[in-house]
Amino acid sequence: MRCIRCGRCQFECPVFLHTANLWGGSVYGGPMGIMWTAITESIEKASYLALLCLGCGRCDAVCPVEIPLSQLIWKIKASRSKI
């Protein structure tokens, strides 16, 4: 993943704005936290956290390295049905 951990996706995310760092992962919160949780911990844990994502795409629009976070989160959500 090309994430530079700038946090811009967090500031745009409506869920993160209401939950702060309680949503997204143990190290990083918000949309990038879901990705890092999937990579560093487990896809199962990330899929549970991904359920709160609205899929609005605001994180995609502001990402300076153009990571399609909402699409990746959607795939993590979809993996939940296979677990």
C-alpha atoms as a PDB file:
ATOM      1  CA  MET A   1       0.000   0.000   0.000  1.00  0.00           C
ATOM      2  CA  ARG A   2       1.227   3.482  -0.827  1.00  0.00           C
ATOM      3  CA  CYS A   3      -0.282   5.176   2.242  1.00  0.00           C
ATOM      4  CA  ILE A   4       1.910   7.945   3.644  1.00  0.00           C
ATOM      5  CA  ARG A   5      -0.235   8.129   6.813  1.00  0.00           C
ATOM      6  CA  CYS A   6      -1.051  11.805   6.379  1.00  0.00           C
ATOM      7  CA  GLY A   7      -4.456  11.392   8.052  1.00  0.00           C
ATOM      8  CA  ARG A   8      -6.375  13.381   5.462  1.00  0.00           C
ATOM      9  CA  CYS A   9      -8.898  10.549   5.023  1.00  0.00           C
ATOM     10  CA  GLN A  10      -9.621  10.698   8.745  1.00  0.00           C
ATOM     11  CA  PHE A  11     -10.498  14.376   8.657  1.00  0.00           C
ATOM     12  CA  GLU A  12     -12.934  13.853   5.756  1.00  0.00           C
ATOM     13  CA  CYS A  13     -14.596  10.716   7.126  1.00  0.00           C
ATOM     14  CA  PRO A  14     -18.015  11.415   8.705  1.00  0.00           C
ATOM     15  CA  VAL A  15     -17.814   8.281  10.859  1.00  0.00           C
ATOM     16  CA  PHE A  16     -14.360   9.217  12.180  1.00  0.00           C
ATOM     17  CA  LEU A  17     -15.582  12.738  12.961  1.00  0.00           C
ATOM     18  CA  HIS A  18     -18.156  11.250  15.350  1.00  0.00           C
ATOM     19  CA  THR A  19     -16.172   8.353  16.790  1.00  0.00           C
ATOM     20  CA  ALA A  20     -12.661   9.844  16.797  1.00  0.00           C
ATOM     21  CA  ASN A  21      -9.944   7.240  17.239  1.00  0.00           C
ATOM     22  CA  LEU A  22     -12.366   4.658  18.650  1.00  0.00           C
ATOM     23  CA  TRP A  23     -13.056   3.415  15.110  1.00  0.00           C
ATOM     24  CA  GLY A  24     -10.683   2.100  12.496  1.00  0.00           C
ATOM     25  CA  GLY A  25      -7.987   0.185  14.308  1.00  0.00           C
ATOM     26  CA  SER A  26      -5.726  -0.016  17.307  1.00  0.00           C
ATOM     27  CA  VAL A  27      -2.820   1.909  15.751  1.00  0.00           C
ATOM     28  CA  TYR A  28      -4.453   4.198  13.184  1.00  0.00           C
ATOM     29  CA  GLY A  29      -8.065   5.271  13.126  1.00  0.00           C
ATOM     30  CA  GLY A  30     -10.500   5.928  10.336  1.00  0.00           C
ATOM     31  CA  PRO A  31     -10.320   4.538   6.814  1.00  0.00           C
ATOM     32  CA  MET A  32      -6.555   4.066   6.828  1.00  0.00           C
ATOM     33  CA  GLY A  33      -6.881   2.292  10.170  1.00  0.00           C
ATOM     34  CA  ILE A  34      -9.104  -0.348   8.602  1.00  0.00           C
ATOM     35  CA  MET A  35      -6.478  -0.987   5.930  1.00  0.00           C
ATOM     36  CA  TRP A  36      -3.630  -1.200   8.424  1.00  0.00           C
ATOM     37  CA  THR A  37      -5.676  -3.484  10.683  1.00  0.00           C
ATOM     38  CA  ALA A  38      -6.257  -5.840   7.736  1.00  0.00           C
ATOM     39  CA  ILE A  39      -2.527  -5.865   6.983  1.00  0.00           C
ATOM     40  CA  THR A  40      -1.055  -5.999  10.486  1.00  0.00           C
ATOM     41  CA  GLU A  41      -3.684  -7.897  12.486  1.00  0.00           C
ATOM     42  CA  SER A  42      -6.297  -9.814  10.516  1.00  0.00           C
ATOM     43  CA  ILE A  43      -8.839  -9.436   7.771  1.00  0.00           C
ATOM     44  CA  GLU A  44     -11.485 -10.734  10.199  1.00  0.00           C
ATOM     45  CA  LYS A  45     -10.907  -7.904  12.654  1.00  0.00           C
ATOM     46  CA  ALA A  46     -10.802  -5.343   9.846  1.00  0.00           C
ATOM     47  CA  SER A  47     -14.041  -6.679   8.356  1.00  0.00           C
ATOM     48  CA  TYR A  48     -15.823  -6.105  11.660  1.00  0.00           C
ATOM     49  CA  LEU A  49     -14.536  -2.511  11.817  1.00  0.00           C
ATOM     50  CA  ALA A  50     -15.411  -1.906   8.159  1.00  0.00           C
ATOM     51  CA  LEU A  51     -19.119  -2.351   8.864  1.00  0.00           C
ATOM     52  CA  LEU A  52     -19.370   1.252  10.073  1.00  0.00           C
ATOM     53  CA  CYS A  53     -17.977   2.671   6.838  1.00  0.00           C
ATOM     54  CA  LEU A  54     -20.638   4.594   4.912  1.00  0.00           C
ATOM     55  CA  GLY A  55     -18.931   4.091   1.562  1.00  0.00           C
ATOM     56  CA  CYS A  56     -19.328   7.770   0.738  1.00  0.00           C
ATOM     57  CA  GLY A  57     -15.935   7.988  -0.996  1.00  0.00           C
ATOM     58  CA  ARG A  58     -14.851  11.217   0.656  1.00  0.00           C
ATOM     59  CA  CYS A  59     -11.617   9.527   1.716  1.00  0.00           C
ATOM     60  CA  ASP A  60     -10.882   8.628  -1.920  1.00  0.00           C
ATOM     61  CA  ALA A  61     -11.359  12.212  -3.036  1.00  0.00           C
ATOM     62  CA  VAL A  62      -8.799  13.666  -0.626  1.00  0.00           C
ATOM     63  CA  CYS A  63      -6.119  10.960  -0.612  1.00  0.00           C
ATOM     64  CA  PRO A  64      -2.888  12.557  -1.929  1.00  0.00           C
ATOM     65  CA  VAL A  65      -1.613   9.220  -3.297  1.00  0.00           C
ATOM     66  CA  GLU A  66      -5.016   8.259  -4.746  1.00  0.00           C
ATOM     67  CA  ILE A  67      -5.625   5.072  -2.765  1.00  0.00           C
ATOM     68  CA  PRO A  68      -9.192   3.890  -3.457  1.00  0.00           C
ATOM     69  CA  LEU A  69      -9.941   3.393   0.251  1.00  0.00           C
ATOM     70  CA  SER A  70     -13.709   3.097  -0.103  1.00  0.00           C
ATOM     71  CA  GLN A  71     -13.316   0.318  -2.697  1.00  0.00           C
ATOM     72  CA  LEU A  72     -10.802  -1.521  -0.519  1.00  0.00           C
ATOM     73  CA  ILE A  73     -13.060  -1.185   2.511  1.00  0.00           C
ATOM     74  CA  TRP A  74     -15.958  -2.519   0.409  1.00  0.00           C
ATOM     75  CA  LYS A  75     -13.859  -5.608  -0.430  1.00  0.00           C
ATOM     76  CA  ILE A  76     -13.028  -6.090   3.248  1.00  0.00           C
ATOM     77  CA  LYS A  77     -16.742  -5.867   4.072  1.00  0.00           C
ATOM     78  CA  ALA A  78     -17.470  -8.451   1.395  1.00  0.00           C
ATOM     79  CA  SER A  79     -14.895 -10.812   2.909  1.00  0.00           C
ATOM     80  CA  ARG A  80     -16.974 -10.819   6.110  1.00  0.00           C
ATOM     81  CA  SER A  81     -19.668 -12.908   4.430  1.00  0.00           C
ATOM     82  CA  LYS A  82     -17.019 -15.553   3.652  1.00  0.00           C
ATOM     83  CA  ILE A  83     -15.719 -15.766   7.223  1.00  0.00           C
END
